N, C-alpha and C. Protein backbone atom coordinates (compact mmCIF):
# COMPACT_ATOMS: atom_id res chain seq x y z
N MET A 1 0.84 -1.20 0.00
CA MET A 1 0.00 0.00 0.00
C MET A 1 0.88 1.25 0.00
N LYS A 2 0.48 2.22 -0.81
CA LYS A 2 1.26 3.45 -0.92
C LYS A 2 0.37 4.65 -0.60
N TYR A 3 0.96 5.61 0.11
CA TYR A 3 0.23 6.80 0.55
C TYR A 3 1.04 8.05 0.22
N LEU A 4 0.32 9.15 -0.02
CA LEU A 4 0.98 10.44 -0.20
C LEU A 4 0.63 11.32 0.99
N VAL A 5 1.66 11.81 1.67
CA VAL A 5 1.47 12.73 2.80
C VAL A 5 2.09 14.06 2.41
N ALA A 6 1.24 15.06 2.22
CA ALA A 6 1.71 16.38 1.80
C ALA A 6 1.68 17.34 2.98
N GLY A 7 2.84 17.77 3.42
CA GLY A 7 2.94 18.76 4.49
C GLY A 7 3.07 20.14 3.88
N LEU A 8 2.13 21.02 4.17
CA LEU A 8 2.12 22.33 3.50
C LEU A 8 3.01 23.35 4.21
N GLY A 9 3.57 24.23 3.40
CA GLY A 9 4.43 25.29 3.91
C GLY A 9 4.98 26.10 2.76
N ASN A 10 5.69 27.18 3.10
CA ASN A 10 6.32 28.04 2.09
C ASN A 10 7.82 27.84 2.12
N ILE A 11 8.42 27.82 0.95
CA ILE A 11 9.87 27.66 0.86
C ILE A 11 10.56 29.01 1.09
N GLY A 12 11.80 28.94 1.54
CA GLY A 12 12.57 30.17 1.78
C GLY A 12 12.87 30.34 3.26
N LYS A 13 14.09 30.83 3.55
CA LYS A 13 14.54 31.01 4.93
C LYS A 13 13.60 31.90 5.73
N GLU A 14 12.99 32.88 5.06
CA GLU A 14 12.13 33.81 5.79
C GLU A 14 10.88 33.14 6.36
N TYR A 15 10.57 31.94 5.86
CA TYR A 15 9.39 31.23 6.34
C TYR A 15 9.71 30.09 7.30
N ASP A 16 11.00 29.87 7.57
CA ASP A 16 11.38 28.80 8.49
C ASP A 16 10.79 29.04 9.87
N ASN A 17 10.29 27.98 10.47
CA ASN A 17 9.77 28.03 11.84
C ASN A 17 8.58 28.97 12.02
N THR A 18 7.81 29.16 10.94
CA THR A 18 6.59 29.96 11.05
C THR A 18 5.40 29.02 11.23
N ARG A 19 4.31 29.58 11.74
CA ARG A 19 3.12 28.77 12.01
C ARG A 19 2.57 28.12 10.73
N HIS A 20 2.64 28.85 9.62
CA HIS A 20 2.08 28.36 8.36
C HIS A 20 2.87 27.17 7.83
N ASN A 21 4.08 26.98 8.35
CA ASN A 21 4.95 25.91 7.87
C ASN A 21 4.94 24.68 8.77
N VAL A 22 3.91 24.54 9.57
CA VAL A 22 3.88 23.40 10.48
C VAL A 22 3.83 22.07 9.73
N GLY A 23 3.29 22.06 8.52
CA GLY A 23 3.31 20.84 7.70
C GLY A 23 4.73 20.41 7.38
N PHE A 24 5.58 21.37 7.04
CA PHE A 24 7.00 21.08 6.79
C PHE A 24 7.65 20.55 8.07
N LEU A 25 7.35 21.22 9.19
CA LEU A 25 7.95 20.85 10.47
C LEU A 25 7.67 19.40 10.82
N ILE A 26 6.44 18.97 10.65
CA ILE A 26 6.04 17.61 11.01
C ILE A 26 6.69 16.58 10.09
N LEU A 27 6.73 16.85 8.80
CA LEU A 27 7.36 15.91 7.88
C LEU A 27 8.86 15.86 8.07
N ASP A 28 9.48 16.99 8.37
CA ASP A 28 10.92 17.01 8.65
C ASP A 28 11.23 16.16 9.88
N ALA A 29 10.37 16.27 10.89
CA ALA A 29 10.58 15.49 12.11
C ALA A 29 10.44 14.00 11.84
N LEU A 30 9.46 13.63 11.03
CA LEU A 30 9.26 12.23 10.68
C LEU A 30 10.45 11.68 9.90
N ALA A 31 10.93 12.47 8.96
CA ALA A 31 12.09 12.04 8.18
C ALA A 31 13.32 11.92 9.06
N GLY A 32 13.52 12.90 9.95
CA GLY A 32 14.67 12.88 10.84
C GLY A 32 14.66 11.68 11.77
N ALA A 33 13.48 11.36 12.30
CA ALA A 33 13.36 10.22 13.21
C ALA A 33 13.55 8.89 12.50
N SER A 34 13.40 8.91 11.18
CA SER A 34 13.46 7.67 10.39
C SER A 34 14.74 7.56 9.57
N ASN A 35 15.63 8.55 9.74
CA ASN A 35 16.90 8.56 9.02
C ASN A 35 16.73 8.50 7.50
N ILE A 36 15.72 9.24 7.01
CA ILE A 36 15.56 9.36 5.56
C ILE A 36 15.74 10.82 5.19
N VAL A 37 16.09 11.05 3.93
CA VAL A 37 16.44 12.40 3.47
C VAL A 37 15.53 12.82 2.32
N PHE A 38 15.11 14.07 2.36
CA PHE A 38 14.32 14.61 1.26
C PHE A 38 15.21 14.91 0.06
N GLU A 39 14.68 14.63 -1.13
CA GLU A 39 15.37 14.96 -2.37
C GLU A 39 14.60 16.04 -3.11
N ASP A 40 15.32 16.92 -3.76
CA ASP A 40 14.71 18.01 -4.51
C ASP A 40 14.19 17.44 -5.83
N ARG A 41 12.88 17.29 -5.93
CA ARG A 41 12.26 16.71 -7.11
C ARG A 41 11.30 17.72 -7.73
N ARG A 42 10.55 17.29 -8.73
CA ARG A 42 9.64 18.20 -9.40
C ARG A 42 8.52 18.64 -8.45
N TYR A 43 8.30 19.92 -8.35
CA TYR A 43 7.25 20.54 -7.52
C TYR A 43 7.42 20.32 -6.02
N GLY A 44 8.55 19.75 -5.59
CA GLY A 44 8.68 19.59 -4.15
C GLY A 44 9.87 18.76 -3.72
N PHE A 45 10.08 18.77 -2.41
CA PHE A 45 11.07 17.88 -1.81
C PHE A 45 10.34 16.61 -1.40
N VAL A 46 10.91 15.47 -1.75
CA VAL A 46 10.22 14.19 -1.60
C VAL A 46 11.11 13.17 -0.88
N ALA A 47 10.50 12.41 0.02
CA ALA A 47 11.20 11.32 0.70
C ALA A 47 10.25 10.12 0.77
N GLU A 48 10.81 8.94 0.82
CA GLU A 48 10.01 7.73 0.92
C GLU A 48 10.20 7.10 2.29
N TYR A 49 9.11 7.00 3.02
CA TYR A 49 9.14 6.47 4.38
C TYR A 49 8.40 5.13 4.40
N LYS A 50 9.07 4.11 4.90
CA LYS A 50 8.47 2.78 4.96
C LYS A 50 8.15 2.43 6.40
N PHE A 51 6.92 1.98 6.62
CA PHE A 51 6.48 1.63 7.96
C PHE A 51 5.40 0.56 7.90
N ALA A 52 5.58 -0.52 8.65
CA ALA A 52 4.58 -1.59 8.78
C ALA A 52 4.08 -2.09 7.43
N GLY A 53 5.00 -2.22 6.49
CA GLY A 53 4.64 -2.75 5.19
C GLY A 53 4.01 -1.74 4.25
N ARG A 54 3.89 -0.49 4.71
CA ARG A 54 3.34 0.57 3.87
C ARG A 54 4.45 1.49 3.38
N ILE A 55 4.19 2.16 2.27
CA ILE A 55 5.11 3.16 1.75
C ILE A 55 4.41 4.51 1.80
N PHE A 56 5.04 5.45 2.49
CA PHE A 56 4.52 6.81 2.59
C PHE A 56 5.43 7.72 1.77
N VAL A 57 4.88 8.32 0.72
CA VAL A 57 5.62 9.32 -0.05
C VAL A 57 5.39 10.66 0.65
N LEU A 58 6.45 11.18 1.26
CA LEU A 58 6.36 12.44 1.98
C LEU A 58 6.69 13.59 1.03
N LEU A 59 5.80 14.56 0.95
CA LEU A 59 5.95 15.65 -0.01
C LEU A 59 5.92 17.00 0.70
N ARG A 60 6.97 17.79 0.48
CA ARG A 60 7.00 19.18 0.91
C ARG A 60 6.97 20.03 -0.37
N PRO A 61 5.81 20.52 -0.77
CA PRO A 61 5.70 21.26 -2.04
C PRO A 61 6.59 22.50 -2.06
N THR A 62 7.14 22.78 -3.24
CA THR A 62 7.94 23.99 -3.42
C THR A 62 7.16 25.03 -4.24
N THR A 63 5.86 24.86 -4.27
CA THR A 63 4.99 25.74 -5.07
C THR A 63 4.43 26.90 -4.24
N TYR A 64 4.80 26.97 -2.97
CA TYR A 64 4.18 27.87 -1.99
C TYR A 64 2.79 27.35 -1.66
N VAL A 65 2.33 27.67 -0.45
CA VAL A 65 1.08 27.11 0.07
C VAL A 65 -0.09 27.30 -0.89
N ASN A 66 -0.22 28.50 -1.43
CA ASN A 66 -1.41 28.84 -2.23
C ASN A 66 -1.52 28.06 -3.53
N LEU A 67 -0.44 27.39 -3.95
CA LEU A 67 -0.46 26.61 -5.18
C LEU A 67 -0.10 25.15 -4.92
N SER A 68 -0.41 24.68 -3.72
CA SER A 68 -0.04 23.32 -3.32
C SER A 68 -0.68 22.25 -4.19
N GLY A 69 -1.83 22.55 -4.78
CA GLY A 69 -2.54 21.57 -5.59
C GLY A 69 -1.73 21.04 -6.76
N ARG A 70 -0.91 21.89 -7.32
CA ARG A 70 -0.10 21.48 -8.48
C ARG A 70 0.84 20.34 -8.09
N ALA A 71 1.49 20.49 -6.94
CA ALA A 71 2.43 19.46 -6.49
C ALA A 71 1.71 18.20 -6.07
N VAL A 72 0.64 18.35 -5.33
CA VAL A 72 -0.12 17.18 -4.85
C VAL A 72 -0.66 16.38 -6.03
N ASN A 73 -1.24 17.05 -6.99
CA ASN A 73 -1.80 16.38 -8.16
C ASN A 73 -0.72 15.62 -8.94
N TYR A 74 0.42 16.27 -9.12
CA TYR A 74 1.51 15.65 -9.87
C TYR A 74 1.98 14.36 -9.20
N TRP A 75 2.18 14.40 -7.87
CA TRP A 75 2.73 13.23 -7.18
C TRP A 75 1.70 12.13 -6.98
N LEU A 76 0.44 12.50 -6.87
CA LEU A 76 -0.59 11.46 -6.85
C LEU A 76 -0.55 10.66 -8.15
N LYS A 77 -0.45 11.36 -9.27
CA LYS A 77 -0.45 10.70 -10.57
C LYS A 77 0.85 9.95 -10.81
N LYS A 78 1.96 10.57 -10.47
CA LYS A 78 3.26 9.94 -10.71
C LYS A 78 3.40 8.63 -9.94
N GLU A 79 2.94 8.63 -8.69
CA GLU A 79 3.07 7.44 -7.85
C GLU A 79 1.85 6.53 -7.93
N ASN A 80 0.86 6.92 -8.75
CA ASN A 80 -0.37 6.12 -8.92
C ASN A 80 -1.04 5.85 -7.57
N ILE A 81 -1.21 6.92 -6.81
CA ILE A 81 -1.82 6.84 -5.48
C ILE A 81 -3.26 7.33 -5.55
N PRO A 82 -4.21 6.56 -5.05
CA PRO A 82 -5.62 6.99 -5.08
C PRO A 82 -5.87 8.14 -4.11
N LEU A 83 -6.88 8.92 -4.39
CA LEU A 83 -7.23 10.07 -3.56
C LEU A 83 -7.50 9.64 -2.11
N SER A 84 -8.03 8.45 -1.94
CA SER A 84 -8.33 7.96 -0.59
C SER A 84 -7.07 7.74 0.25
N ASN A 85 -5.90 7.71 -0.40
CA ASN A 85 -4.64 7.50 0.31
C ASN A 85 -3.82 8.79 0.41
N LEU A 86 -4.50 9.92 0.27
CA LEU A 86 -3.84 11.23 0.42
C LEU A 86 -4.15 11.81 1.80
N LEU A 87 -3.11 12.29 2.48
CA LEU A 87 -3.26 13.00 3.74
C LEU A 87 -2.52 14.33 3.63
N VAL A 88 -3.23 15.43 3.86
CA VAL A 88 -2.63 16.76 3.81
C VAL A 88 -2.46 17.26 5.24
N VAL A 89 -1.28 17.74 5.56
CA VAL A 89 -0.96 18.23 6.90
C VAL A 89 -0.81 19.75 6.82
N CYS A 90 -1.62 20.47 7.61
CA CYS A 90 -1.59 21.94 7.51
C CYS A 90 -1.96 22.59 8.83
N ASP A 91 -1.76 23.90 8.91
CA ASP A 91 -2.12 24.70 10.07
C ASP A 91 -3.61 25.03 10.03
N ASP A 92 -4.16 25.40 11.20
CA ASP A 92 -5.58 25.76 11.27
C ASP A 92 -5.78 26.86 12.31
N LEU A 93 -6.20 28.03 11.83
CA LEU A 93 -6.46 29.17 12.71
C LEU A 93 -7.68 28.95 13.61
N ALA A 94 -8.61 28.14 13.16
CA ALA A 94 -9.86 27.96 13.89
C ALA A 94 -9.72 27.05 15.11
N LEU A 95 -8.58 26.38 15.23
CA LEU A 95 -8.36 25.48 16.36
C LEU A 95 -7.38 26.09 17.35
N PRO A 96 -7.61 25.93 18.64
CA PRO A 96 -6.65 26.43 19.63
C PRO A 96 -5.28 25.82 19.40
N PHE A 97 -4.24 26.54 19.79
CA PHE A 97 -2.88 26.05 19.60
C PHE A 97 -2.73 24.64 20.18
N GLY A 98 -2.15 23.77 19.38
CA GLY A 98 -1.86 22.41 19.83
C GLY A 98 -2.97 21.41 19.64
N THR A 99 -4.16 21.87 19.27
CA THR A 99 -5.25 20.93 19.02
C THR A 99 -5.05 20.28 17.65
N ILE A 100 -5.18 18.98 17.62
CA ILE A 100 -5.00 18.23 16.37
C ILE A 100 -6.33 17.61 15.98
N ARG A 101 -6.76 17.88 14.75
CA ARG A 101 -8.00 17.33 14.25
C ARG A 101 -7.75 16.61 12.94
N VAL A 102 -8.28 15.41 12.84
CA VAL A 102 -8.16 14.61 11.62
C VAL A 102 -9.53 14.53 10.98
N LYS A 103 -9.60 14.81 9.68
CA LYS A 103 -10.87 14.76 8.97
C LYS A 103 -10.71 13.96 7.68
N ALA A 104 -11.75 13.24 7.31
CA ALA A 104 -11.71 12.42 6.10
C ALA A 104 -11.93 13.26 4.85
N LYS A 105 -12.62 14.39 5.02
CA LYS A 105 -12.92 15.28 3.90
C LYS A 105 -13.48 16.57 4.48
N GLY A 106 -13.86 17.50 3.62
CA GLY A 106 -14.49 18.72 4.14
C GLY A 106 -14.09 19.96 3.38
N SER A 107 -14.58 21.09 3.87
CA SER A 107 -14.29 22.37 3.23
C SER A 107 -12.85 22.79 3.52
N ASP A 108 -12.41 23.85 2.86
CA ASP A 108 -11.04 24.32 3.08
C ASP A 108 -10.92 25.14 4.36
N GLY A 109 -12.06 25.56 4.95
CA GLY A 109 -12.00 26.31 6.19
C GLY A 109 -11.24 27.61 6.09
N GLY A 110 -11.16 28.16 4.87
CA GLY A 110 -10.43 29.41 4.68
C GLY A 110 -8.94 29.23 4.46
N HIS A 111 -8.48 27.99 4.40
CA HIS A 111 -7.05 27.73 4.18
C HIS A 111 -6.78 27.70 2.68
N ASN A 112 -5.94 28.60 2.22
CA ASN A 112 -5.70 28.74 0.77
C ASN A 112 -5.05 27.50 0.16
N GLY A 113 -4.23 26.82 0.93
CA GLY A 113 -3.60 25.61 0.42
C GLY A 113 -4.61 24.50 0.18
N LEU A 114 -5.50 24.29 1.17
CA LEU A 114 -6.54 23.29 1.00
C LEU A 114 -7.48 23.66 -0.14
N ARG A 115 -7.77 24.95 -0.26
CA ARG A 115 -8.66 25.40 -1.34
C ARG A 115 -8.05 25.08 -2.70
N ASN A 116 -6.77 25.36 -2.86
CA ASN A 116 -6.12 25.11 -4.14
C ASN A 116 -6.04 23.62 -4.45
N ILE A 117 -5.76 22.82 -3.44
CA ILE A 117 -5.72 21.37 -3.65
C ILE A 117 -7.09 20.87 -4.10
N SER A 118 -8.15 21.32 -3.42
CA SER A 118 -9.51 20.92 -3.80
C SER A 118 -9.84 21.35 -5.21
N ASP A 119 -9.44 22.57 -5.57
CA ASP A 119 -9.72 23.09 -6.92
C ASP A 119 -9.01 22.27 -7.99
N VAL A 120 -7.73 22.00 -7.77
CA VAL A 120 -6.94 21.27 -8.77
C VAL A 120 -7.40 19.82 -8.89
N LEU A 121 -7.70 19.19 -7.75
CA LEU A 121 -8.12 17.79 -7.78
C LEU A 121 -9.58 17.63 -8.17
N GLY A 122 -10.33 18.73 -8.07
CA GLY A 122 -11.76 18.66 -8.38
C GLY A 122 -12.54 17.92 -7.32
N SER A 123 -12.00 17.88 -6.11
CA SER A 123 -12.65 17.15 -5.01
C SER A 123 -12.08 17.63 -3.69
N ASN A 124 -12.93 17.62 -2.66
CA ASN A 124 -12.45 17.90 -1.30
C ASN A 124 -12.51 16.64 -0.44
N GLU A 125 -12.65 15.50 -1.09
CA GLU A 125 -12.77 14.24 -0.37
C GLU A 125 -11.39 13.59 -0.20
N PHE A 126 -10.56 14.28 0.55
CA PHE A 126 -9.25 13.75 0.91
C PHE A 126 -9.01 14.06 2.38
N ALA A 127 -8.23 13.21 3.04
CA ALA A 127 -7.99 13.35 4.47
C ALA A 127 -7.05 14.50 4.75
N ARG A 128 -7.23 15.10 5.93
CA ARG A 128 -6.34 16.17 6.33
C ARG A 128 -6.10 16.12 7.84
N LEU A 129 -4.88 16.44 8.22
CA LEU A 129 -4.51 16.61 9.62
C LEU A 129 -4.37 18.11 9.82
N ARG A 130 -5.26 18.67 10.64
CA ARG A 130 -5.26 20.11 10.87
C ARG A 130 -4.66 20.39 12.25
N PHE A 131 -3.57 21.15 12.25
CA PHE A 131 -2.82 21.44 13.47
C PHE A 131 -3.19 22.85 13.92
N GLY A 132 -3.83 22.93 15.09
CA GLY A 132 -4.29 24.23 15.58
C GLY A 132 -3.16 25.18 15.93
N ILE A 133 -3.23 26.40 15.40
CA ILE A 133 -2.24 27.43 15.74
C ILE A 133 -2.88 28.58 16.51
N GLY A 134 -4.21 28.47 16.75
CA GLY A 134 -4.89 29.52 17.51
C GLY A 134 -5.15 30.76 16.68
N ASP A 135 -5.80 31.74 17.30
CA ASP A 135 -6.11 33.00 16.59
C ASP A 135 -5.80 34.19 17.49
N ASN A 136 -4.63 34.12 18.11
CA ASN A 136 -4.23 35.15 19.07
C ASN A 136 -3.62 36.37 18.36
N PHE A 137 -4.44 37.05 17.58
CA PHE A 137 -3.96 38.23 16.86
C PHE A 137 -5.06 39.28 16.83
N HIS A 138 -4.64 40.53 16.66
CA HIS A 138 -5.59 41.62 16.58
C HIS A 138 -6.16 41.69 15.16
N ARG A 139 -7.33 42.27 15.07
CA ARG A 139 -7.99 42.40 13.77
C ARG A 139 -7.07 43.08 12.76
N GLY A 140 -7.00 42.47 11.57
CA GLY A 140 -6.17 43.03 10.51
C GLY A 140 -4.75 42.48 10.49
N TYR A 141 -4.41 41.64 11.48
CA TYR A 141 -3.04 41.14 11.56
C TYR A 141 -2.97 39.62 11.36
N GLN A 142 -3.97 39.06 10.69
CA GLN A 142 -4.01 37.62 10.49
C GLN A 142 -2.80 37.12 9.71
N VAL A 143 -2.47 37.79 8.63
CA VAL A 143 -1.34 37.35 7.79
C VAL A 143 -0.04 37.39 8.59
N ASP A 144 0.16 38.47 9.35
CA ASP A 144 1.38 38.57 10.17
C ASP A 144 1.45 37.44 11.18
N TYR A 145 0.32 37.08 11.74
CA TYR A 145 0.28 36.01 12.73
C TYR A 145 0.59 34.66 12.11
N VAL A 146 -0.09 34.36 11.01
CA VAL A 146 0.11 33.06 10.35
C VAL A 146 1.55 32.90 9.86
N LEU A 147 2.12 33.98 9.34
CA LEU A 147 3.48 33.92 8.83
C LEU A 147 4.52 34.27 9.89
N GLY A 148 4.04 34.44 11.13
CA GLY A 148 4.95 34.74 12.23
C GLY A 148 5.55 33.46 12.81
N ARG A 149 6.58 33.65 13.61
CA ARG A 149 7.26 32.51 14.23
C ARG A 149 6.63 32.15 15.56
N TRP A 150 6.85 30.93 15.96
CA TRP A 150 6.31 30.43 17.23
C TRP A 150 6.84 31.26 18.39
N THR A 151 6.03 31.45 19.41
CA THR A 151 6.49 32.11 20.62
C THR A 151 7.36 31.13 21.41
N PRO A 152 8.16 31.61 22.35
CA PRO A 152 8.98 30.70 23.17
C PRO A 152 8.13 29.66 23.88
N ASP A 153 6.97 30.05 24.40
CA ASP A 153 6.10 29.08 25.09
C ASP A 153 5.58 28.02 24.12
N GLU A 154 5.21 28.45 22.91
CA GLU A 154 4.73 27.49 21.91
C GLU A 154 5.84 26.52 21.52
N LYS A 155 7.06 27.02 21.37
CA LYS A 155 8.18 26.16 21.01
C LYS A 155 8.38 25.04 22.03
N LYS A 156 8.18 25.37 23.31
CA LYS A 156 8.36 24.36 24.35
C LYS A 156 7.31 23.26 24.23
N GLU A 157 6.12 23.62 23.77
CA GLU A 157 5.02 22.65 23.68
C GLU A 157 5.00 21.88 22.37
N LEU A 158 5.76 22.31 21.39
CA LEU A 158 5.70 21.70 20.06
C LEU A 158 6.16 20.24 20.00
N PRO A 159 7.28 19.85 20.64
CA PRO A 159 7.78 18.48 20.44
C PRO A 159 6.76 17.37 20.64
N PRO A 160 6.02 17.32 21.77
CA PRO A 160 5.04 16.23 21.91
C PRO A 160 3.89 16.32 20.91
N LEU A 161 3.55 17.53 20.49
CA LEU A 161 2.49 17.72 19.51
C LEU A 161 2.93 17.21 18.14
N VAL A 162 4.19 17.46 17.81
CA VAL A 162 4.74 16.94 16.56
C VAL A 162 4.81 15.42 16.61
N ASP A 163 5.18 14.87 17.77
CA ASP A 163 5.22 13.41 17.93
C ASP A 163 3.83 12.81 17.70
N THR A 164 2.80 13.46 18.26
CA THR A 164 1.44 12.97 18.06
C THR A 164 1.05 13.04 16.59
N SER A 165 1.46 14.10 15.91
CA SER A 165 1.15 14.25 14.48
C SER A 165 1.80 13.14 13.67
N MET A 166 3.01 12.75 14.06
CA MET A 166 3.66 11.65 13.37
C MET A 166 2.90 10.35 13.60
N GLU A 167 2.37 10.17 14.82
CA GLU A 167 1.56 8.99 15.11
C GLU A 167 0.31 8.97 14.22
N VAL A 168 -0.29 10.14 14.02
CA VAL A 168 -1.48 10.24 13.17
C VAL A 168 -1.16 9.77 11.75
N ILE A 169 -0.03 10.19 11.24
CA ILE A 169 0.37 9.80 9.88
C ILE A 169 0.50 8.28 9.78
N ARG A 170 1.18 7.68 10.74
CA ARG A 170 1.35 6.23 10.73
C ARG A 170 0.00 5.52 10.85
N SER A 171 -0.84 6.06 11.74
CA SER A 171 -2.16 5.47 11.96
C SER A 171 -3.03 5.55 10.71
N PHE A 172 -2.95 6.66 9.99
CA PHE A 172 -3.72 6.84 8.77
C PHE A 172 -3.42 5.72 7.78
N GLY A 173 -2.15 5.38 7.65
CA GLY A 173 -1.77 4.35 6.68
C GLY A 173 -1.99 2.93 7.16
N THR A 174 -2.05 2.73 8.47
CA THR A 174 -2.13 1.36 8.98
C THR A 174 -3.51 1.01 9.54
N LEU A 175 -4.15 1.94 10.21
CA LEU A 175 -5.45 1.68 10.82
C LEU A 175 -6.61 2.25 10.01
N GLY A 176 -6.32 3.18 9.10
CA GLY A 176 -7.37 3.79 8.29
C GLY A 176 -7.86 5.10 8.87
N ILE A 177 -8.54 5.88 8.04
CA ILE A 177 -8.95 7.22 8.43
C ILE A 177 -10.01 7.21 9.53
N ASP A 178 -10.97 6.29 9.48
CA ASP A 178 -12.05 6.29 10.47
C ASP A 178 -11.52 5.99 11.87
N ARG A 179 -10.71 4.97 11.97
CA ARG A 179 -10.18 4.62 13.29
C ARG A 179 -9.21 5.70 13.79
N THR A 180 -8.47 6.30 12.87
CA THR A 180 -7.55 7.38 13.25
C THR A 180 -8.32 8.57 13.81
N MET A 181 -9.43 8.93 13.18
CA MET A 181 -10.25 10.02 13.69
C MET A 181 -10.79 9.69 15.08
N ASN A 182 -11.25 8.46 15.26
CA ASN A 182 -11.79 8.05 16.56
C ASN A 182 -10.73 8.11 17.65
N LEU A 183 -9.51 7.75 17.30
CA LEU A 183 -8.43 7.72 18.28
C LEU A 183 -7.94 9.11 18.67
N TYR A 184 -7.80 9.99 17.70
CA TYR A 184 -7.11 11.25 17.94
C TYR A 184 -8.01 12.47 18.11
N ASN A 185 -9.22 12.45 17.58
CA ASN A 185 -10.06 13.63 17.67
C ASN A 185 -10.75 13.78 19.03
N LYS A 186 -10.74 12.74 19.82
CA LYS A 186 -11.43 12.78 21.12
C LYS A 186 -10.57 13.40 22.21
N ARG A 187 -9.33 13.67 21.89
CA ARG A 187 -8.42 14.12 22.91
C ARG A 187 -8.00 15.57 22.70
N PRO A 188 -8.50 16.49 23.55
CA PRO A 188 -8.16 17.89 23.39
C PRO A 188 -6.67 18.13 23.57
N GLY A 189 -6.18 19.15 22.89
CA GLY A 189 -4.79 19.52 23.04
C GLY A 189 -3.83 18.62 22.30
N GLY A 190 -4.37 17.74 21.44
CA GLY A 190 -3.50 16.88 20.65
C GLY A 190 -2.79 15.81 21.45
N SER A 191 -3.31 15.48 22.65
CA SER A 191 -2.64 14.47 23.46
C SER A 191 -2.76 13.10 22.82
N SER A 192 -1.80 12.27 23.09
CA SER A 192 -1.75 10.95 22.45
C SER A 192 -2.81 10.03 23.04
N PRO A 193 -3.36 9.16 22.20
CA PRO A 193 -4.30 8.16 22.70
C PRO A 193 -3.51 7.05 23.36
N GLU A 194 -4.24 6.11 23.93
CA GLU A 194 -3.56 4.92 24.43
C GLU A 194 -2.87 4.26 23.24
N LYS A 195 -1.71 3.68 23.52
CA LYS A 195 -0.94 3.06 22.44
C LYS A 195 -1.75 1.93 21.79
N VAL A 196 -1.79 1.95 20.49
CA VAL A 196 -2.51 0.93 19.75
C VAL A 196 -1.49 0.14 18.94
N GLU A 197 -1.64 -1.15 18.95
CA GLU A 197 -0.71 -1.98 18.19
C GLU A 197 -1.00 -1.81 16.70
N ILE A 198 0.02 -1.42 15.95
CA ILE A 198 -0.14 -1.16 14.52
C ILE A 198 0.65 -2.20 13.75
N HIS A 199 -0.02 -2.87 12.86
CA HIS A 199 0.61 -3.96 12.08
C HIS A 199 0.99 -3.45 10.69
């Protein structure tokens, strides 16, 4: 079984460690923990992660968030991966910081990356891991907040949240989207569920 996991973010040093790049952060952590390296390929940096007999094609698009659909569509077709095996990892302003929500499908919720992916694929029926970044900004400063860097307090809380996000990715490929939602959406703050044996 093969899966495509697209972590959304913007390329360039100026965007490193920003809230909008949490998709990059999570995939980088997964690659680092697995001793695999991203390669600069068409429309993105790509790595192949193998776990429990599954192959996860990890994609960090180089198209910028707002044009993520181009990269996702290309790699779905190139790797012959069905839409049901796509997981998009992105930030979410509507969720409190650290809250992790897994959905099988749905609207873009105002996220330009999800909107572009839905437009290019002609469907919004793909799974997504939405990582809450909160909405702690004054009116008119949404862009500055989303493209801003984590606060020192947020940085301290990120490691276990990133670990949980990596668990979600593995669970998506091994247990399926329905069971993954049941396991992870019931726990506020992105806390880990009881350990489940994954084959």
